[in-house]
Amino acid sequence: MTTYKEAGVDIEKADAFVKDIASTIKQTWSPEVKSELGDFAALYSLLGYEMKHPVLVSSTDGVGTKLKIAITMDVHNTVGIDLVAMCVNDILVKGARPLFFLDYMACGELDPKVGREILEGIARGCEEAECSLVGGETAEMPGMYAPGDYDLAGFVVGIVEDGATVDGTDISSGDVVIGVASSGLHSNGFSLVRKIVEEAPSLEYETYLPEFQAKLGELLLTPTRIYVKMVKSLLRDFDIKGMAHITGGGIVGNCVRILPNGTTMRVKRDGWEWPPVFDFIQKLGKLTEEEMYRTFNCGIGFVLVVSPEIEEEVLLRLKGLGETAFVIGDIIQRNGNENPFLWV
């Protein structure tokens, strides 16, 4: 008689894995979590949020082929941070406060050690994002994934008061564009990075790079910055007109998404200095500047648009929060079919 385990799915091992990670998950829970681990669905109370007209804000994302580098390096404790960051940073731009997070991990065969490292990273990301990891799914799918491979997806729900949403509609000519530094590549452009590295002679992810005092793979696995505490602090005291999370498509592709009709964002190419990792990738891959800006964040992970009257105060607050920020541009009036984004 053939069993499910013989087909490649070990339910007992999966159950033991869930029990093993239970304490790690529960450390992220706020008092609003009303369910227990292992329930069919997670319950989260909104009674503690004193809002007249609360609006729920949601987003979903993954880590992409950065996971291939984690698998090659056998380093799995940072990609969970990436997963949380890519989701929560997206709802931040609406002015939302993250409430709870769910994850989905799929693999051919569950390696409990790898799974635990991934979940520990997700839990750390949730703690940094001040949201609860209320549940998830770990799916063994033999035949779907090569041995050792896995994929991750994340889902976040946040909350904002109706009328307090940050949507860019108040952005106008004369406003200032502030760029907040990234921690590196974050989780975009890795298909291109992997192609460049794999085609480079005498270079592997285990190669030690003296100029970075790290192995190449370690450098590339630097986790994505989570901007929750920064945004919460700013929104508490300042009128932030627009925000953009710089992911795939770079500064151009993401900033134009928040501009109202009739406005153009001008960004200075020399408004900040690229972190060395981007210069390294550009030189190694012989990439044009345009390709770099279109594919990577190039050192700017988050963009804020504010009125010039509060520019200095916002910059001072960012410095106090330990952020590195630059005035990278401004907003001008756009006429007709002019480009909504200009490099200057």
Protein backbone atom coordinates (compact mmCIF):
# COMPACT_ATOMS: atom_id res chain seq x y z
CA MET A 1 0.00 0.00 0.00
CA THR A 2 1.43 3.39 -1.02
CA THR A 3 1.38 6.17 1.61
CA TYR A 4 1.40 9.97 1.43
CA LYS A 5 4.85 9.91 3.04
CA GLU A 6 6.15 7.59 0.30
CA ALA A 7 4.79 10.10 -2.24
CA GLY A 8 7.02 12.75 -0.67
CA VAL A 9 4.78 14.52 1.85
CA ASP A 10 5.62 13.88 5.52
CA ILE A 11 2.72 15.18 7.63
CA GLU A 12 4.32 14.19 10.93
CA LYS A 13 7.49 16.10 10.09
CA ALA A 14 5.42 19.14 9.11
CA ASP A 15 3.46 18.98 12.37
CA ALA A 16 6.68 18.76 14.36
CA PHE A 17 8.04 21.76 12.46
CA VAL A 18 5.01 23.87 13.35
CA LYS A 19 5.36 22.97 17.03
CA ASP A 20 9.06 23.82 16.89
CA ILE A 21 8.46 27.32 15.53
CA ALA A 22 5.39 28.11 17.64
CA SER A 23 7.23 30.09 20.31
CA THR A 24 9.08 32.14 17.69
CA ILE A 25 5.82 33.09 16.00
CA LYS A 26 3.98 33.93 19.23
CA GLN A 27 6.72 36.35 20.25
CA THR A 28 5.47 38.66 17.49
CA TRP A 29 1.83 38.63 18.63
CA SER A 30 0.13 41.74 19.93
CA PRO A 31 -2.89 41.55 22.31
CA GLU A 32 -5.15 42.00 19.27
CA VAL A 33 -4.43 38.45 18.05
CA LYS A 34 -7.45 36.38 19.16
CA SER A 35 -6.72 32.99 17.56
CA GLU A 36 -4.37 30.15 18.36
CA LEU A 37 -1.59 28.75 16.22
CA GLY A 38 -2.98 25.94 14.10
CA ASP A 39 -6.48 27.38 13.76
CA PHE A 40 -8.09 27.27 10.32
CA ALA A 41 -7.92 31.07 10.16
CA ALA A 42 -6.38 33.90 12.17
CA LEU A 43 -8.49 36.33 14.20
CA TYR A 44 -7.40 39.91 14.82
CA SER A 45 -9.41 42.47 16.79
CA LEU A 46 -9.71 46.11 15.69
CA LEU A 47 -11.40 47.28 18.90
CA GLY A 48 -8.19 48.82 20.21
CA TYR A 49 -7.89 51.20 17.27
CA GLU A 50 -9.74 54.44 17.96
CA MET A 51 -10.66 55.46 14.45
CA LYS A 52 -13.93 56.88 13.18
CA HIS A 53 -13.65 55.37 9.73
CA PRO A 54 -10.82 52.79 9.61
CA VAL A 55 -9.67 51.54 6.22
CA LEU A 56 -7.78 48.26 5.81
CA VAL A 57 -4.76 48.33 3.51
CA SER A 58 -3.22 45.14 2.11
CA SER A 59 -0.32 44.02 -0.04
CA THR A 60 1.40 40.83 -1.14
CA ASP A 61 4.89 40.19 -2.48
CA GLY A 62 7.77 37.74 -2.56
CA VAL A 63 11.57 37.73 -2.45
CA GLY A 64 12.21 36.71 -6.05
CA THR A 65 15.36 35.02 -7.30
CA LYS A 66 17.39 36.43 -4.42
CA LEU A 67 16.32 33.12 -2.89
CA LYS A 68 18.61 31.28 -5.33
CA ILE A 69 21.60 33.04 -3.77
CA ALA A 70 20.39 32.19 -0.26
CA ILE A 71 20.08 28.54 -1.30
CA THR A 72 23.53 28.52 -2.91
CA MET A 73 25.11 30.13 0.17
CA ASP A 74 23.02 27.99 2.57
CA VAL A 75 22.10 31.20 4.40
CA HIS A 76 18.38 31.39 5.05
CA ASN A 77 17.95 33.67 8.07
CA THR A 78 17.74 36.98 6.16
CA VAL A 79 15.30 36.30 3.31
CA GLY A 80 12.41 36.29 5.79
CA ILE A 81 13.25 39.90 6.62
CA ASP A 82 13.17 40.66 2.88
CA LEU A 83 9.75 39.05 2.63
CA VAL A 84 8.26 41.21 5.38
CA ALA A 85 9.96 44.36 4.13
CA MET A 86 8.74 44.05 0.56
CA CYS A 87 5.15 43.80 1.78
CA VAL A 88 5.02 46.30 4.64
CA ASN A 89 6.97 49.02 2.83
CA ASP A 90 4.30 48.98 0.13
CA ILE A 91 1.44 49.73 2.53
CA LEU A 92 3.48 52.38 4.32
CA VAL A 93 3.27 54.65 1.29
CA LYS A 94 -0.48 54.91 1.92
CA GLY A 95 0.15 56.00 5.49
CA ALA A 96 -0.97 52.65 6.87
CA ARG A 97 0.18 51.01 10.07
CA PRO A 98 0.93 47.27 9.60
CA LEU A 99 -1.29 45.04 11.73
CA PHE A 100 -0.60 41.41 10.84
CA PHE A 101 1.39 39.29 8.41
CA LEU A 102 1.03 35.82 6.90
CA ASP A 103 3.63 33.82 5.01
CA TYR A 104 3.58 31.03 2.45
CA MET A 105 6.57 28.72 1.99
CA ALA A 106 6.60 26.06 -0.72
CA CYS A 107 9.27 23.41 -1.24
CA GLY A 108 9.76 19.95 -2.65
CA GLU A 109 10.71 18.47 0.72
CA LEU A 110 10.73 20.35 4.00
CA ASP A 111 14.11 20.74 5.66
CA PRO A 112 13.16 21.69 9.25
CA LYS A 113 16.49 23.46 9.84
CA VAL A 114 16.10 25.63 6.75
CA GLY A 115 12.44 26.25 7.51
CA ARG A 116 13.21 27.37 11.03
CA GLU A 117 15.88 29.81 9.82
CA ILE A 118 13.44 31.29 7.32
CA LEU A 119 10.70 31.67 9.94
CA GLU A 120 13.12 33.25 12.39
CA GLY A 121 13.89 35.88 9.75
CA ILE A 122 10.20 36.48 9.11
CA ALA A 123 9.62 36.87 12.85
CA ARG A 124 12.47 39.38 13.14
CA GLY A 125 11.02 41.31 10.23
CA CYS A 126 7.59 41.37 11.86
CA GLU A 127 9.05 42.59 15.15
CA GLU A 128 10.86 45.40 13.32
CA ALA A 129 7.68 46.23 11.40
CA GLU A 130 5.66 46.14 14.63
CA CYS A 131 3.13 43.67 13.24
CA SER A 132 1.99 40.20 14.29
CA LEU A 133 2.88 37.03 12.38
CA VAL A 134 -0.55 35.45 12.76
CA GLY A 135 -0.17 32.40 10.53
CA GLY A 136 0.95 30.93 7.26
CA GLU A 137 1.33 27.82 5.19
CA THR A 138 4.22 25.44 4.61
CA ALA A 139 3.57 23.31 1.54
CA GLU A 140 5.55 20.24 0.50
CA MET A 141 5.09 19.71 -3.24
CA PRO A 142 7.38 16.93 -4.48
CA GLY A 143 8.07 17.21 -8.17
CA MET A 144 7.33 20.94 -8.27
CA TYR A 145 10.67 22.07 -6.85
CA ALA A 146 14.22 20.80 -7.28
CA PRO A 147 15.86 19.37 -4.13
CA GLY A 148 16.79 22.24 -1.82
CA ASP A 149 14.71 24.84 -3.66
CA TYR A 150 11.88 26.78 -2.05
CA ASP A 151 9.76 29.85 -2.68
CA LEU A 152 8.28 32.45 -0.34
CA ALA A 153 5.28 34.75 -0.50
CA GLY A 154 4.03 37.20 2.09
CA PHE A 155 0.76 38.97 2.84
CA VAL A 156 0.28 42.01 5.09
CA VAL A 157 -2.79 43.90 6.30
CA GLY A 158 -2.58 47.38 7.79
CA ILE A 159 -4.93 50.14 8.86
CA VAL A 160 -5.32 53.88 8.25
CA GLU A 161 -7.99 56.43 9.08
CA ASP A 162 -10.13 57.31 6.08
CA GLY A 163 -9.10 60.81 5.10
CA ALA A 164 -5.58 60.34 6.47
CA THR A 165 -4.47 58.24 3.53
CA VAL A 166 -1.31 59.47 1.82
CA ASP A 167 -2.07 59.32 -1.89
CA GLY A 168 -0.05 62.10 -3.52
CA THR A 169 -3.05 64.22 -4.49
CA ASP A 170 -1.71 67.21 -2.53
CA ILE A 171 1.68 67.17 -4.28
CA SER A 172 2.24 70.48 -6.09
CA SER A 173 4.87 72.55 -7.83
CA GLY A 174 7.64 73.64 -5.48
CA ASP A 175 7.50 70.59 -3.22
CA VAL A 176 10.74 68.90 -2.19
CA VAL A 177 11.74 65.29 -2.93
CA ILE A 178 13.71 63.52 -0.20
CA GLY A 179 15.39 60.16 -0.78
CA VAL A 180 16.04 57.82 2.15
CA ALA A 181 18.95 55.42 1.80
CA SER A 182 18.52 51.72 1.08
CA SER A 183 20.63 49.00 2.66
CA GLY A 184 21.74 47.73 -0.75
CA LEU A 185 19.94 45.94 -3.54
CA HIS A 186 16.96 45.07 -1.34
CA SER A 187 15.02 42.40 -3.30
CA ASN A 188 14.97 43.60 -6.90
CA GLY A 189 17.06 42.97 -9.98
CA PHE A 190 18.48 39.65 -8.84
CA SER A 191 17.81 37.82 -12.10
CA LEU A 192 20.17 40.31 -13.73
CA VAL A 193 22.66 40.11 -10.85
CA ARG A 194 22.74 36.33 -11.00
CA LYS A 195 23.31 36.38 -14.76
CA ILE A 196 26.20 38.82 -14.36
CA VAL A 197 27.85 36.81 -11.58
CA GLU A 198 27.40 33.47 -13.30
CA GLU A 199 28.97 34.80 -16.52
CA ALA A 200 31.89 36.48 -14.73
CA PRO A 201 35.15 34.50 -14.86
CA SER A 202 36.71 33.44 -11.57
CA LEU A 203 33.85 34.83 -9.50
CA GLU A 204 31.49 32.86 -7.26
CA TYR A 205 29.15 33.76 -4.43
CA GLU A 206 31.70 32.35 -2.00
CA THR A 207 34.40 34.68 -3.37
CA TYR A 208 35.73 37.00 -0.67
CA LEU A 209 35.75 40.67 -1.71
CA PRO A 210 38.36 42.60 0.33
CA GLU A 211 36.85 45.98 -0.54
CA PHE A 212 33.59 44.92 1.13
CA GLN A 213 35.17 42.68 3.79
CA ALA A 214 32.58 40.04 2.95
CA LYS A 215 31.85 37.22 0.56
CA LEU A 216 29.95 38.25 -2.57
CA GLY A 217 26.94 36.17 -1.57
CA GLU A 218 26.85 37.72 1.91
CA LEU A 219 26.96 41.19 0.38
CA LEU A 220 24.08 40.41 -1.96
CA LEU A 221 21.98 38.89 0.84
CA THR A 222 21.95 42.12 2.89
CA PRO A 223 18.28 42.29 3.90
CA THR A 224 15.83 44.92 2.70
CA ARG A 225 15.33 47.94 4.94
CA ILE A 226 12.02 48.13 6.82
CA TYR A 227 10.85 51.76 7.05
CA VAL A 228 7.92 51.34 9.45
CA LYS A 229 9.30 53.18 12.47
CA MET A 230 10.56 56.00 10.27
CA VAL A 231 7.22 56.54 8.56
CA LYS A 232 5.23 56.32 11.81
CA SER A 233 7.44 58.98 13.37
CA LEU A 234 7.13 61.30 10.39
CA LEU A 235 3.36 60.97 10.02
CA ARG A 236 2.86 61.70 13.70
CA ASP A 237 4.27 65.22 13.34
CA PHE A 238 4.49 66.17 9.67
CA ASP A 239 2.30 66.52 6.62
CA ILE A 240 3.90 64.07 4.21
CA LYS A 241 2.31 64.65 0.79
CA GLY A 242 3.55 61.53 -0.96
CA MET A 243 5.70 58.45 -0.45
CA ALA A 244 7.14 55.83 -2.78
CA HIS A 245 8.78 52.48 -2.03
CA ILE A 246 11.60 52.06 -4.56
CA THR A 247 11.38 48.51 -5.86
CA GLY A 248 11.37 47.01 -9.37
CA GLY A 249 11.41 49.80 -11.93
CA GLY A 250 13.69 51.97 -9.81
CA ILE A 251 13.13 55.59 -8.87
CA VAL A 252 11.47 56.52 -12.15
CA GLY A 253 9.03 53.61 -12.31
CA ASN A 254 7.87 53.99 -8.72
CA CYS A 255 7.82 57.74 -8.19
CA VAL A 256 5.58 58.48 -11.18
CA ARG A 257 2.92 56.27 -9.54
CA ILE A 258 2.28 58.89 -6.83
CA LEU A 259 2.27 62.07 -8.95
CA PRO A 260 -1.02 63.84 -9.60
CA ASN A 261 -1.84 65.10 -13.09
CA GLY A 262 -0.07 68.31 -13.99
CA THR A 263 3.11 67.63 -12.00
CA THR A 264 6.58 66.40 -12.89
CA MET A 265 9.25 65.13 -10.54
CA ARG A 266 12.79 66.34 -11.24
CA VAL A 267 15.55 64.25 -9.69
CA LYS A 268 19.23 65.15 -9.63
CA ARG A 269 21.51 62.40 -10.90
CA ASP A 270 24.20 63.68 -8.53
CA GLY A 271 21.75 64.13 -5.65
CA TRP A 272 23.32 61.22 -3.76
CA GLU A 273 26.30 58.92 -4.05
CA TRP A 274 25.69 55.34 -5.10
CA PRO A 275 26.70 52.77 -2.46
CA PRO A 276 29.75 50.80 -3.65
CA VAL A 277 27.76 47.60 -4.32
CA PHE A 278 25.98 49.30 -7.22
CA ASP A 279 29.22 50.53 -8.75
CA PHE A 280 30.57 46.98 -8.42
CA ILE A 281 27.57 45.49 -10.26
CA GLN A 282 27.59 48.14 -12.98
CA LYS A 283 31.27 47.63 -13.70
CA LEU A 284 31.05 43.83 -13.55
CA GLY A 285 28.07 43.69 -15.88
CA LYS A 286 29.06 46.61 -18.08
CA LEU A 287 25.62 48.09 -17.50
CA THR A 288 24.54 51.52 -18.69
CA GLU A 289 23.44 54.11 -16.19
CA GLU A 290 19.93 53.93 -17.60
CA GLU A 291 19.82 50.15 -17.08
CA MET A 292 20.98 50.61 -13.50
CA TYR A 293 18.31 53.18 -12.71
CA ARG A 294 15.62 51.11 -14.41
CA THR A 295 16.50 47.89 -12.55
CA PHE A 296 17.86 48.82 -9.11
CA ASN A 297 17.14 51.31 -6.34
CA CYS A 298 20.74 52.57 -6.69
CA GLY A 299 20.90 53.52 -3.03
CA ILE A 300 17.47 55.13 -2.50
CA GLY A 301 14.96 52.78 -0.88
CA PHE A 302 12.17 55.19 -0.01
CA VAL A 303 11.09 58.60 -1.30
CA LEU A 304 9.18 61.35 0.51
CA VAL A 305 7.54 64.44 -0.97
CA VAL A 306 7.10 67.37 1.42
CA SER A 307 6.50 71.11 1.25
CA PRO A 308 9.67 73.25 1.35
CA GLU A 309 8.52 74.83 4.64
CA ILE A 310 9.13 71.59 6.57
CA GLU A 311 12.11 70.28 4.58
CA GLU A 312 14.73 71.04 7.25
CA GLU A 313 12.60 69.70 10.09
CA VAL A 314 11.96 66.44 8.25
CA LEU A 315 15.64 66.02 7.44
CA LEU A 316 16.53 66.66 11.09
CA ARG A 317 13.98 64.07 12.23
CA LEU A 318 15.35 61.51 9.75
CA LYS A 319 18.87 62.11 11.04
CA GLY A 320 17.66 61.63 14.60
CA LEU A 321 16.06 58.34 13.59
CA GLY A 322 19.42 57.13 12.26
CA GLU A 323 18.38 57.42 8.62
CA THR A 324 20.60 58.70 5.83
CA ALA A 325 18.57 61.07 3.66
CA PHE A 326 19.19 63.40 0.74
CA VAL A 327 17.27 66.15 -1.01
CA ILE A 328 17.27 64.58 -4.45
CA GLY A 329 14.84 66.75 -6.39
CA ASP A 330 11.68 68.80 -6.58
CA ILE A 331 8.24 69.01 -8.15
CA ILE A 332 7.44 71.30 -11.09
CA GLN A 333 4.34 71.99 -13.15
CA ARG A 334 3.75 69.74 -16.15
CA ASN A 335 2.02 70.87 -19.28
CA GLY A 336 0.20 68.58 -21.68
CA ASN A 337 2.03 65.38 -22.59
CA GLU A 338 5.37 66.28 -21.01
CA ASN A 339 7.27 63.55 -19.20
CA PRO A 340 6.16 63.19 -15.54
CA PHE A 341 9.76 62.41 -14.56
CA LEU A 342 12.95 64.27 -15.47
CA TRP A 343 16.57 63.62 -14.66
CA VAL A 344 18.56 66.83 -14.18
